[in-house]
Amino acid sequence: MPTETLKDLLQQDATRVFSECTSPDWDGYGAMAVTPRHYDDLLRLINWLPEGIEKPEVVAHPDGCLALDWWRDRKYTFTLLLKKERLIYAALVGDYKNYGREAVEADPSVSKSILLQYFKSNPSPQ
């Protein structure tokens, strides 16, 4: 039986989170509903992920977007999402902070470049 890949697991997580957050106020604090467009954007982003990275958590944000979060502790976190053809990211590694927006125009190399740079300089703890 084939082993599930990281992308398979993330697609399952995305489907679960999407189904839990399709109604307005899904968090009890007035969050916007996650739309099929945001779900499709996340699936696209998942398909662009490079091999060999840590598994992120799929999370819904109050603005209705779905994102991938890598979190080790309060001083080590990375968030990535695709919104309106822009890749949005934010990283905190110790005292170093980095964030930005990159136009992707359906080019997966942008997300791979950002992720590989982040994980190359911040390897997974053993």
C-alpha atoms as a PDB file:
ATOM      1  CA  MET A   1       0.000   0.000   0.000  1.00  0.00           C
ATOM      2  CA  PRO A   2       1.442   3.409  -0.969  1.00  0.00           C
ATOM      3  CA  THR A   3       2.565   5.730   1.786  1.00  0.00           C
ATOM      4  CA  GLU A   4       0.793   9.065   2.018  1.00  0.00           C
ATOM      5  CA  THR A   5       2.972  11.979   1.039  1.00  0.00           C
ATOM      6  CA  LEU A   6       3.235  15.299   2.829  1.00  0.00           C
ATOM      7  CA  LYS A   7       1.075  16.850   0.124  1.00  0.00           C
ATOM      8  CA  ASP A   8      -1.589  14.134   0.564  1.00  0.00           C
ATOM      9  CA  LEU A   9      -1.718  14.772   4.310  1.00  0.00           C
ATOM     10  CA  LEU A  10      -1.899  18.536   3.849  1.00  0.00           C
ATOM     11  CA  GLN A  11      -4.691  18.229   1.281  1.00  0.00           C
ATOM     12  CA  GLN A  12      -6.662  16.155   3.807  1.00  0.00           C
ATOM     13  CA  ASP A  13      -5.992  18.766   6.511  1.00  0.00           C
ATOM     14  CA  ALA A  14      -7.042  21.548   4.127  1.00  0.00           C
ATOM     15  CA  THR A  15     -10.328  19.809   3.361  1.00  0.00           C
ATOM     16  CA  ARG A  16     -11.036  19.319   7.067  1.00  0.00           C
ATOM     17  CA  VAL A  17     -10.244  22.941   8.020  1.00  0.00           C
ATOM     18  CA  PHE A  18     -12.196  24.295   5.050  1.00  0.00           C
ATOM     19  CA  SER A  19     -15.280  22.254   5.995  1.00  0.00           C
ATOM     20  CA  GLU A  20     -15.067  23.551   9.579  1.00  0.00           C
ATOM     21  CA  CYS A  21     -14.792  27.225   8.562  1.00  0.00           C
ATOM     22  CA  THR A  22     -17.268  27.816   5.715  1.00  0.00           C
ATOM     23  CA  SER A  23     -19.783  29.684   7.869  1.00  0.00           C
ATOM     24  CA  PRO A  24     -19.353  33.290   9.001  1.00  0.00           C
ATOM     25  CA  ASP A  25     -18.266  33.614  12.632  1.00  0.00           C
ATOM     26  CA  TRP A  26     -16.750  30.095  12.612  1.00  0.00           C
ATOM     27  CA  ASP A  27     -14.429  31.132  15.446  1.00  0.00           C
ATOM     28  CA  GLY A  28     -17.106  32.801  17.607  1.00  0.00           C
ATOM     29  CA  TYR A  29     -15.302  36.152  17.222  1.00  0.00           C
ATOM     30  CA  GLY A  30     -16.727  37.357  13.903  1.00  0.00           C
ATOM     31  CA  ALA A  31     -14.361  35.620  11.476  1.00  0.00           C
ATOM     32  CA  MET A  32     -15.204  35.690   7.790  1.00  0.00           C
ATOM     33  CA  ALA A  33     -16.195  32.425   6.136  1.00  0.00           C
ATOM     34  CA  VAL A  34     -13.490  30.607   4.205  1.00  0.00           C
ATOM     35  CA  THR A  35     -14.497  30.571   0.540  1.00  0.00           C
ATOM     36  CA  PRO A  36     -13.877  27.932  -2.119  1.00  0.00           C
ATOM     37  CA  ARG A  37     -11.422  30.393  -3.743  1.00  0.00           C
ATOM     38  CA  HIS A  38      -9.290  30.450  -0.593  1.00  0.00           C
ATOM     39  CA  TYR A  39      -9.462  26.648  -0.415  1.00  0.00           C
ATOM     40  CA  ASP A  40      -8.348  26.359  -4.057  1.00  0.00           C
ATOM     41  CA  ASP A  41      -5.502  28.820  -3.426  1.00  0.00           C
ATOM     42  CA  LEU A  42      -4.291  26.707  -0.527  1.00  0.00           C
ATOM     43  CA  LEU A  43      -4.407  23.512  -2.591  1.00  0.00           C
ATOM     44  CA  ARG A  44      -2.324  25.251  -5.255  1.00  0.00           C
ATOM     45  CA  LEU A  45       0.170  26.350  -2.629  1.00  0.00           C
ATOM     46  CA  ILE A  46       0.373  22.825  -1.203  1.00  0.00           C
ATOM     47  CA  ASN A  47       1.165  21.472  -4.660  1.00  0.00           C
ATOM     48  CA  TRP A  48       4.031  23.961  -4.957  1.00  0.00           C
ATOM     49  CA  LEU A  49       5.748  22.885  -1.724  1.00  0.00           C
ATOM     50  CA  PRO A  50       9.238  21.476  -2.126  1.00  0.00           C
ATOM     51  CA  GLU A  51      10.028  17.960  -0.948  1.00  0.00           C
ATOM     52  CA  GLY A  52      11.748  17.365   2.382  1.00  0.00           C
ATOM     53  CA  ILE A  53      10.292  20.169   4.478  1.00  0.00           C
ATOM     54  CA  GLU A  54       8.594  19.916   7.850  1.00  0.00           C
ATOM     55  CA  LYS A  55       4.845  19.366   7.873  1.00  0.00           C
ATOM     56  CA  PRO A  56       3.023  22.617   8.591  1.00  0.00           C
ATOM     57  CA  GLU A  57      -0.360  23.046  10.204  1.00  0.00           C
ATOM     58  CA  VAL A  58      -3.261  24.160   8.012  1.00  0.00           C
ATOM     59  CA  VAL A  59      -4.997  27.081   9.718  1.00  0.00           C
ATOM     60  CA  ALA A  60      -7.874  29.409   8.935  1.00  0.00           C
ATOM     61  CA  HIS A  61      -7.371  33.110   9.546  1.00  0.00           C
ATOM     62  CA  PRO A  62     -10.169  35.460  10.672  1.00  0.00           C
ATOM     63  CA  ASP A  63     -10.094  37.223   7.279  1.00  0.00           C
ATOM     64  CA  GLY A  64     -11.242  33.975   5.635  1.00  0.00           C
ATOM     65  CA  CYS A  65      -7.875  32.899   4.238  1.00  0.00           C
ATOM     66  CA  LEU A  66      -6.284  29.508   4.716  1.00  0.00           C
ATOM     67  CA  ALA A  67      -2.582  29.377   5.525  1.00  0.00           C
ATOM     68  CA  LEU A  68       0.265  27.022   6.296  1.00  0.00           C
ATOM     69  CA  ASP A  69       1.943  27.576   9.666  1.00  0.00           C
ATOM     70  CA  TRP A  70       5.207  26.116  10.871  1.00  0.00           C
ATOM     71  CA  TRP A  71       5.549  26.667  14.601  1.00  0.00           C
ATOM     72  CA  ARG A  72       8.223  25.355  16.958  1.00  0.00           C
ATOM     73  CA  ASP A  73       7.902  27.884  19.764  1.00  0.00           C
ATOM     74  CA  ARG A  74       7.036  31.546  20.221  1.00  0.00           C
ATOM     75  CA  LYS A  75      10.441  32.573  18.834  1.00  0.00           C
ATOM     76  CA  TYR A  76      10.344  30.280  15.802  1.00  0.00           C
ATOM     77  CA  THR A  77       7.378  30.511  13.464  1.00  0.00           C
ATOM     78  CA  PHE A  78       6.695  30.803   9.755  1.00  0.00           C
ATOM     79  CA  THR A  79       3.377  31.482   7.971  1.00  0.00           C
ATOM     80  CA  LEU A  80       2.696  31.192   4.258  1.00  0.00           C
ATOM     81  CA  LEU A  81      -0.490  31.844   2.279  1.00  0.00           C
ATOM     82  CA  LEU A  82      -1.620  32.602  -1.243  1.00  0.00           C
ATOM     83  CA  LYS A  83      -4.074  35.463  -1.656  1.00  0.00           C
ATOM     84  CA  LYS A  84      -5.052  37.268  -4.870  1.00  0.00           C
ATOM     85  CA  GLU A  85      -2.048  35.847  -6.775  1.00  0.00           C
ATOM     86  CA  ARG A  86       0.331  37.045  -4.078  1.00  0.00           C
ATOM     87  CA  LEU A  87       2.365  34.806  -1.860  1.00  0.00           C
ATOM     88  CA  ILE A  88       2.319  36.312   1.632  1.00  0.00           C
ATOM     89  CA  TYR A  89       4.815  35.155   4.245  1.00  0.00           C
ATOM     90  CA  ALA A  90       6.017  36.061   7.709  1.00  0.00           C
ATOM     91  CA  ALA A  91       8.865  34.529   9.693  1.00  0.00           C
ATOM     92  CA  LEU A  92      10.198  34.937  13.186  1.00  0.00           C
ATOM     93  CA  VAL A  93      13.438  33.159  14.051  1.00  0.00           C
ATOM     94  CA  GLY A  94      14.821  34.303  17.372  1.00  0.00           C
ATOM     95  CA  ASP A  95      15.194  38.060  17.049  1.00  0.00           C
ATOM     96  CA  TYR A  96      15.161  37.943  13.246  1.00  0.00           C
ATOM     97  CA  LYS A  97      11.893  38.944  11.567  1.00  0.00           C
ATOM     98  CA  ASN A  98      11.093  38.752   7.875  1.00  0.00           C
ATOM     99  CA  TYR A  99       7.863  39.206   5.966  1.00  0.00           C
ATOM    100  CA  GLY A 100       6.729  40.067   2.511  1.00  0.00           C
ATOM    101  CA  ARG A 101       4.472  39.642  -0.499  1.00  0.00           C
ATOM    102  CA  GLU A 102       5.556  38.237  -3.816  1.00  0.00           C
ATOM    103  CA  ALA A 103       3.584  38.162  -7.053  1.00  0.00           C
ATOM    104  CA  VAL A 104       3.389  34.531  -8.131  1.00  0.00           C
ATOM    105  CA  GLU A 105       1.536  34.584 -11.441  1.00  0.00           C
ATOM    106  CA  ALA A 106       1.142  30.800 -11.161  1.00  0.00           C
ATOM    107  CA  ASP A 107       4.920  30.309 -10.739  1.00  0.00           C
ATOM    108  CA  PRO A 108       5.647  27.742  -8.023  1.00  0.00           C
ATOM    109  CA  SER A 109       9.357  28.589  -7.949  1.00  0.00           C
ATOM    110  CA  VAL A 110       8.607  31.666  -5.816  1.00  0.00           C
ATOM    111  CA  SER A 111       7.165  29.649  -2.926  1.00  0.00           C
ATOM    112  CA  LYS A 112       9.865  26.989  -3.227  1.00  0.00           C
ATOM    113  CA  SER A 113      12.584  29.626  -3.136  1.00  0.00           C
ATOM    114  CA  ILE A 114      11.163  31.301  -0.015  1.00  0.00           C
ATOM    115  CA  LEU A 115      10.619  27.991   1.782  1.00  0.00           C
ATOM    116  CA  LEU A 116      13.980  26.513   0.873  1.00  0.00           C
ATOM    117  CA  GLN A 117      15.732  29.671   2.040  1.00  0.00           C
ATOM    118  CA  TYR A 118      13.868  29.523   5.349  1.00  0.00           C
ATOM    119  CA  PHE A 119      14.403  25.822   6.009  1.00  0.00           C
ATOM    120  CA  LYS A 120      18.010  25.829   4.815  1.00  0.00           C
ATOM    121  CA  SER A 121      18.909  28.437   7.426  1.00  0.00           C
ATOM    122  CA  ASN A 122      16.618  26.880  10.087  1.00  0.00           C
ATOM    123  CA  PRO A 123      16.913  23.104   9.885  1.00  0.00           C
ATOM    124  CA  SER A 124      14.404  20.895  11.602  1.00  0.00           C
ATOM    125  CA  PRO A 125      15.354  19.959  15.187  1.00  0.00           C
ATOM    126  CA  GLN A 126      16.438  16.338  15.534  1.00  0.00           C
END
